[in-house]
Amino acid sequence: MRRVALILVLAVTTLTAVSCGKREKEKEIAEEIEEIYKDGPTSVYISPDADQDTIDGLISSIKDYNAQLDGRWQTASMSYEADGSMQPEFYVEFTDSEIKYGHLKDDEFVVDHADKIESMLFGEKCVIQATSQNGVKYTYRTSESDSNILEYYETWNEEEYPDAYRGGASLSRCE
């Protein structure tokens, strides 16, 4: 009987130690992912059975995909300023939850309005689906020919893309 009790105590102690190790690993991964997505809450599920190479690959992919939207973008449509110079209608910056539209004032980005990002898909192409403040659902998708251009479609339905393309609202990455 003592032997069974001893085996149970050792088993519980071993399981607790293994479980605590996994929790610490999960905490480290969560902190690294939070560092990538500083703009708000993000949920990523990683199996407790995932090995370190899988985890490192996932984090590297998230960083690569996040870089696809880094920096400032500008609309293709242009407008005249009071001084007669032409400027993009909007400059645009992405967070993990919003698309911020604004203008530059003394080389500083000033937000005019922001739209809510409903989904972001990364892969060969970046696809962002958002809803404007007026309730219009639209999609930005990486151009076939240039990864520094996001084409604008005033729909979420890919079948409607040919009729919903709006070139003036498409974005190009600022240099």
C-alpha atoms as a PDB file:
ATOM      1  CA  MET A   1       0.000   0.000   0.000  1.00  0.00           C
ATOM      2  CA  ARG A   2       2.844   2.373   0.816  1.00  0.00           C
ATOM      3  CA  ARG A   3       4.294   1.654  -2.593  1.00  0.00           C
ATOM      4  CA  VAL A   4       1.035   2.660  -4.349  1.00  0.00           C
ATOM      5  CA  ALA A   5       0.802   5.851  -2.284  1.00  0.00           C
ATOM      6  CA  LEU A   6       4.420   6.710  -3.085  1.00  0.00           C
ATOM      7  CA  ILE A   7       3.847   6.105  -6.810  1.00  0.00           C
ATOM      8  CA  LEU A   8       0.759   8.351  -6.716  1.00  0.00           C
ATOM      9  CA  VAL A   9       2.648  11.141  -4.957  1.00  0.00           C
ATOM     10  CA  LEU A  10       5.509  10.913  -7.466  1.00  0.00           C
ATOM     11  CA  ALA A  11       3.067  10.867 -10.414  1.00  0.00           C
ATOM     12  CA  VAL A  12       1.208  13.935  -9.154  1.00  0.00           C
ATOM     13  CA  THR A  13       4.482  15.768  -8.498  1.00  0.00           C
ATOM     14  CA  THR A  14       5.780  14.911 -11.987  1.00  0.00           C
ATOM     15  CA  LEU A  15       2.533  15.984 -13.688  1.00  0.00           C
ATOM     16  CA  THR A  16       2.503  19.244 -11.739  1.00  0.00           C
ATOM     17  CA  ALA A  17       6.087  20.018 -12.705  1.00  0.00           C
ATOM     18  CA  VAL A  18       5.417  19.245 -16.380  1.00  0.00           C
ATOM     19  CA  SER A  19       2.202  21.279 -16.306  1.00  0.00           C
ATOM     20  CA  CYS A  20       3.938  24.271 -14.705  1.00  0.00           C
ATOM     21  CA  GLY A  21       6.682  24.083 -17.321  1.00  0.00           C
ATOM     22  CA  LYS A  22       4.069  24.238 -20.097  1.00  0.00           C
ATOM     23  CA  ARG A  23       2.359  27.188 -18.437  1.00  0.00           C
ATOM     24  CA  GLU A  24       5.659  29.057 -18.281  1.00  0.00           C
ATOM     25  CA  LYS A  25       6.287  28.245 -21.958  1.00  0.00           C
ATOM     26  CA  GLU A  26       2.777  29.470 -22.869  1.00  0.00           C
ATOM     27  CA  LYS A  27       3.394  32.686 -20.920  1.00  0.00           C
ATOM     28  CA  GLU A  28       6.667  33.347 -22.779  1.00  0.00           C
ATOM     29  CA  ILE A  29       4.982  32.766 -26.149  1.00  0.00           C
ATOM     30  CA  ALA A  30       2.064  35.036 -25.234  1.00  0.00           C
ATOM     31  CA  GLU A  31       4.469  37.804 -24.198  1.00  0.00           C
ATOM     32  CA  GLU A  32       6.359  37.530 -27.489  1.00  0.00           C
ATOM     33  CA  ILE A  33       3.142  37.674 -29.520  1.00  0.00           C
ATOM     34  CA  GLU A  34       1.896  40.654 -27.470  1.00  0.00           C
ATOM     35  CA  GLU A  35       5.163  42.417 -28.320  1.00  0.00           C
ATOM     36  CA  ILE A  36       4.331  42.009 -32.032  1.00  0.00           C
ATOM     37  CA  TYR A  37       0.724  43.186 -31.633  1.00  0.00           C
ATOM     38  CA  LYS A  38       1.032  46.226 -29.384  1.00  0.00           C
ATOM     39  CA  ASP A  39      -2.245  47.806 -30.562  1.00  0.00           C
ATOM     40  CA  GLY A  40      -4.691  45.568 -28.775  1.00  0.00           C
ATOM     41  CA  PRO A  41      -5.734  42.133 -27.644  1.00  0.00           C
ATOM     42  CA  THR A  42      -4.834  39.213 -29.865  1.00  0.00           C
ATOM     43  CA  SER A  43      -5.670  35.563 -29.472  1.00  0.00           C
ATOM     44  CA  VAL A  44      -3.472  32.833 -30.888  1.00  0.00           C
ATOM     45  CA  TYR A  45      -3.890  29.176 -29.953  1.00  0.00           C
ATOM     46  CA  ILE A  46      -0.766  27.069 -29.779  1.00  0.00           C
ATOM     47  CA  SER A  47      -1.156  23.426 -28.897  1.00  0.00           C
ATOM     48  CA  PRO A  48       0.573  22.433 -25.661  1.00  0.00           C
ATOM     49  CA  ASP A  49       2.129  19.611 -27.695  1.00  0.00           C
ATOM     50  CA  ALA A  50       3.810  22.026 -30.145  1.00  0.00           C
ATOM     51  CA  ASP A  51       7.577  21.712 -30.291  1.00  0.00           C
ATOM     52  CA  GLN A  52       9.920  24.705 -30.148  1.00  0.00           C
ATOM     53  CA  ASP A  53      10.585  24.698 -33.921  1.00  0.00           C
ATOM     54  CA  THR A  54       6.846  24.960 -34.621  1.00  0.00           C
ATOM     55  CA  ILE A  55       6.468  27.810 -32.130  1.00  0.00           C
ATOM     56  CA  ASP A  56       9.498  29.666 -33.533  1.00  0.00           C
ATOM     57  CA  GLY A  57       8.098  29.220 -37.063  1.00  0.00           C
ATOM     58  CA  LEU A  58       4.717  30.596 -36.025  1.00  0.00           C
ATOM     59  CA  ILE A  59       6.214  33.666 -34.364  1.00  0.00           C
ATOM     60  CA  SER A  60       8.492  34.289 -37.358  1.00  0.00           C
ATOM     61  CA  SER A  61       5.492  34.031 -39.718  1.00  0.00           C
ATOM     62  CA  ILE A  62       3.473  36.471 -37.618  1.00  0.00           C
ATOM     63  CA  LYS A  63       6.357  38.962 -37.747  1.00  0.00           C
ATOM     64  CA  ASP A  64       6.709  38.521 -41.529  1.00  0.00           C
ATOM     65  CA  TYR A  65       2.993  38.944 -42.142  1.00  0.00           C
ATOM     66  CA  ASN A  66       2.785  41.940 -39.827  1.00  0.00           C
ATOM     67  CA  ALA A  67       5.565  43.571 -41.881  1.00  0.00           C
ATOM     68  CA  GLN A  68       3.353  43.331 -44.999  1.00  0.00           C
ATOM     69  CA  LEU A  69       1.320  46.264 -43.666  1.00  0.00           C
ATOM     70  CA  ASP A  70       4.049  48.214 -41.881  1.00  0.00           C
ATOM     71  CA  GLY A  71       4.626  51.820 -42.719  1.00  0.00           C
ATOM     72  CA  ARG A  72       2.460  54.482 -44.261  1.00  0.00           C
ATOM     73  CA  TRP A  73       0.250  54.038 -47.299  1.00  0.00           C
ATOM     74  CA  GLN A  74      -1.522  56.557 -49.538  1.00  0.00           C
ATOM     75  CA  THR A  75      -4.651  56.533 -51.653  1.00  0.00           C
ATOM     76  CA  ALA A  76      -4.333  56.624 -55.420  1.00  0.00           C
ATOM     77  CA  SER A  77      -6.789  59.535 -55.590  1.00  0.00           C
ATOM     78  CA  MET A  78      -5.185  62.945 -55.317  1.00  0.00           C
ATOM     79  CA  SER A  79      -6.457  66.357 -54.248  1.00  0.00           C
ATOM     80  CA  TYR A  80      -5.148  69.920 -54.350  1.00  0.00           C
ATOM     81  CA  GLU A  81      -3.984  71.612 -51.177  1.00  0.00           C
ATOM     82  CA  ALA A  82      -4.545  75.308 -50.390  1.00  0.00           C
ATOM     83  CA  ASP A  83      -1.011  76.089 -51.582  1.00  0.00           C
ATOM     84  CA  GLY A  84      -1.740  74.443 -54.950  1.00  0.00           C
ATOM     85  CA  SER A  85       0.300  71.288 -54.344  1.00  0.00           C
ATOM     86  CA  MET A  86      -1.211  67.872 -55.037  1.00  0.00           C
ATOM     87  CA  GLN A  87      -1.443  65.413 -52.170  1.00  0.00           C
ATOM     88  CA  PRO A  88      -3.047  61.989 -51.763  1.00  0.00           C
ATOM     89  CA  GLU A  89      -6.646  62.230 -50.611  1.00  0.00           C
ATOM     90  CA  PHE A  90      -5.642  60.208 -47.536  1.00  0.00           C
ATOM     91  CA  TYR A  91      -2.580  58.742 -45.936  1.00  0.00           C
ATOM     92  CA  VAL A  92      -3.272  55.409 -44.253  1.00  0.00           C
ATOM     93  CA  GLU A  93      -1.767  53.423 -41.380  1.00  0.00           C
ATOM     94  CA  PHE A  94      -2.791  49.949 -40.205  1.00  0.00           C
ATOM     95  CA  THR A  95      -3.022  48.573 -36.688  1.00  0.00           C
ATOM     96  CA  ASP A  96      -4.185  45.049 -35.883  1.00  0.00           C
ATOM     97  CA  SER A  97      -7.732  46.349 -35.290  1.00  0.00           C
ATOM     98  CA  GLU A  98      -8.108  49.569 -37.325  1.00  0.00           C
ATOM     99  CA  ILE A  99      -7.347  51.250 -40.612  1.00  0.00           C
ATOM    100  CA  LYS A 100      -6.492  54.856 -39.805  1.00  0.00           C
ATOM    101  CA  TYR A 101      -7.082  57.473 -42.507  1.00  0.00           C
ATOM    102  CA  GLY A 102      -5.494  60.867 -42.128  1.00  0.00           C
ATOM    103  CA  HIS A 103      -3.279  63.594 -43.517  1.00  0.00           C
ATOM    104  CA  LEU A 104       0.195  64.911 -42.860  1.00  0.00           C
ATOM    105  CA  LYS A 105       0.708  68.105 -40.947  1.00  0.00           C
ATOM    106  CA  ASP A 106       4.360  69.134 -40.645  1.00  0.00           C
ATOM    107  CA  ASP A 107       5.325  65.547 -41.573  1.00  0.00           C
ATOM    108  CA  GLU A 108       3.242  64.168 -38.674  1.00  0.00           C
ATOM    109  CA  PHE A 109       0.383  61.757 -39.359  1.00  0.00           C
ATOM    110  CA  VAL A 110      -2.929  63.194 -38.078  1.00  0.00           C
ATOM    111  CA  VAL A 111      -5.899  60.804 -37.994  1.00  0.00           C
ATOM    112  CA  ASP A 112      -9.103  62.026 -39.660  1.00  0.00           C
ATOM    113  CA  HIS A 113     -11.077  58.833 -39.054  1.00  0.00           C
ATOM    114  CA  ALA A 114     -10.580  55.108 -38.508  1.00  0.00           C
ATOM    115  CA  ASP A 115     -12.429  52.048 -39.798  1.00  0.00           C
ATOM    116  CA  LYS A 116     -12.718  48.745 -37.965  1.00  0.00           C
ATOM    117  CA  ILE A 117     -10.814  45.748 -39.312  1.00  0.00           C
ATOM    118  CA  GLU A 118     -13.083  42.705 -39.222  1.00  0.00           C
ATOM    119  CA  SER A 119     -10.556  40.170 -40.521  1.00  0.00           C
ATOM    120  CA  MET A 120      -7.001  39.959 -41.791  1.00  0.00           C
ATOM    121  CA  LEU A 121      -5.719  37.009 -43.784  1.00  0.00           C
ATOM    122  CA  PHE A 122      -2.088  36.620 -44.727  1.00  0.00           C
ATOM    123  CA  GLY A 123      -0.414  34.273 -47.124  1.00  0.00           C
ATOM    124  CA  GLU A 124       0.565  34.802 -50.730  1.00  0.00           C
ATOM    125  CA  LYS A 125      -1.770  37.769 -50.609  1.00  0.00           C
ATOM    126  CA  CYS A 126      -2.795  40.006 -47.788  1.00  0.00           C
ATOM    127  CA  VAL A 127      -6.601  40.363 -47.521  1.00  0.00           C
ATOM    128  CA  ILE A 128      -8.116  42.861 -45.092  1.00  0.00           C
ATOM    129  CA  GLN A 129     -11.857  43.142 -44.620  1.00  0.00           C
ATOM    130  CA  ALA A 130     -13.125  46.240 -42.858  1.00  0.00           C
ATOM    131  CA  THR A 131     -16.272  48.189 -42.098  1.00  0.00           C
ATOM    132  CA  SER A 132     -16.357  51.956 -42.528  1.00  0.00           C
ATOM    133  CA  GLN A 133     -17.939  54.295 -40.011  1.00  0.00           C
ATOM    134  CA  ASN A 134     -20.920  54.496 -42.402  1.00  0.00           C
ATOM    135  CA  GLY A 135     -21.344  50.708 -42.407  1.00  0.00           C
ATOM    136  CA  VAL A 136     -19.798  50.087 -45.843  1.00  0.00           C
ATOM    137  CA  LYS A 137     -18.043  46.707 -45.975  1.00  0.00           C
ATOM    138  CA  TYR A 138     -14.879  46.723 -48.048  1.00  0.00           C
ATOM    139  CA  THR A 139     -11.762  44.705 -48.789  1.00  0.00           C
ATOM    140  CA  TYR A 140      -8.127  45.580 -49.412  1.00  0.00           C
ATOM    141  CA  ARG A 141      -6.209  42.868 -51.229  1.00  0.00           C
ATOM    142  CA  THR A 142      -2.589  42.735 -52.360  1.00  0.00           C
ATOM    143  CA  SER A 143      -2.265  43.404 -56.088  1.00  0.00           C
ATOM    144  CA  GLU A 144      -1.337  40.491 -58.375  1.00  0.00           C
ATOM    145  CA  SER A 145       1.499  42.513 -59.885  1.00  0.00           C
ATOM    146  CA  ASP A 146       2.890  44.527 -56.956  1.00  0.00           C
ATOM    147  CA  SER A 147       2.979  43.677 -53.242  1.00  0.00           C
ATOM    148  CA  ASN A 148       3.226  47.412 -52.443  1.00  0.00           C
ATOM    149  CA  ILE A 149      -0.295  48.031 -53.768  1.00  0.00           C
ATOM    150  CA  LEU A 150      -3.512  47.152 -51.939  1.00  0.00           C
ATOM    151  CA  GLU A 151      -6.509  47.072 -54.262  1.00  0.00           C
ATOM    152  CA  TYR A 152      -9.813  48.359 -52.873  1.00  0.00           C
ATOM    153  CA  TYR A 153     -13.085  46.479 -53.402  1.00  0.00           C
ATOM    154  CA  GLU A 154     -16.317  47.837 -51.982  1.00  0.00           C
ATOM    155  CA  THR A 155     -17.508  44.372 -50.960  1.00  0.00           C
ATOM    156  CA  TRP A 156     -16.460  41.362 -48.943  1.00  0.00           C
ATOM    157  CA  ASN A 157     -17.733  38.947 -51.589  1.00  0.00           C
ATOM    158  CA  GLU A 158     -14.893  37.897 -53.902  1.00  0.00           C
ATOM    159  CA  GLU A 159     -17.370  37.082 -56.692  1.00  0.00           C
ATOM    160  CA  GLU A 160     -18.358  40.772 -56.780  1.00  0.00           C
ATOM    161  CA  TYR A 161     -14.749  42.050 -57.040  1.00  0.00           C
ATOM    162  CA  PRO A 162     -14.865  42.829 -60.792  1.00  0.00           C
ATOM    163  CA  ASP A 163     -17.804  45.223 -60.278  1.00  0.00           C
ATOM    164  CA  ALA A 164     -16.712  46.545 -56.880  1.00  0.00           C
ATOM    165  CA  TYR A 165     -13.146  47.630 -57.693  1.00  0.00           C
ATOM    166  CA  ARG A 166     -12.436  51.310 -56.899  1.00  0.00           C
ATOM    167  CA  GLY A 167      -9.001  52.288 -58.201  1.00  0.00           C
ATOM    168  CA  GLY A 168      -8.975  55.732 -56.571  1.00  0.00           C
ATOM    169  CA  ALA A 169      -9.434  54.173 -53.128  1.00  0.00           C
ATOM    170  CA  SER A 170      -6.653  51.630 -53.663  1.00  0.00           C
ATOM    171  CA  LEU A 171      -3.458  52.153 -51.660  1.00  0.00           C
ATOM    172  CA  SER A 172       0.224  52.240 -52.473  1.00  0.00           C
ATOM    173  CA  ARG A 173       3.011  52.045 -49.927  1.00  0.00           C
ATOM    174  CA  CYS A 174       4.755  55.370 -49.322  1.00  0.00           C
ATOM    175  CA  GLU A 175       8.489  55.382 -49.970  1.00  0.00           C
END
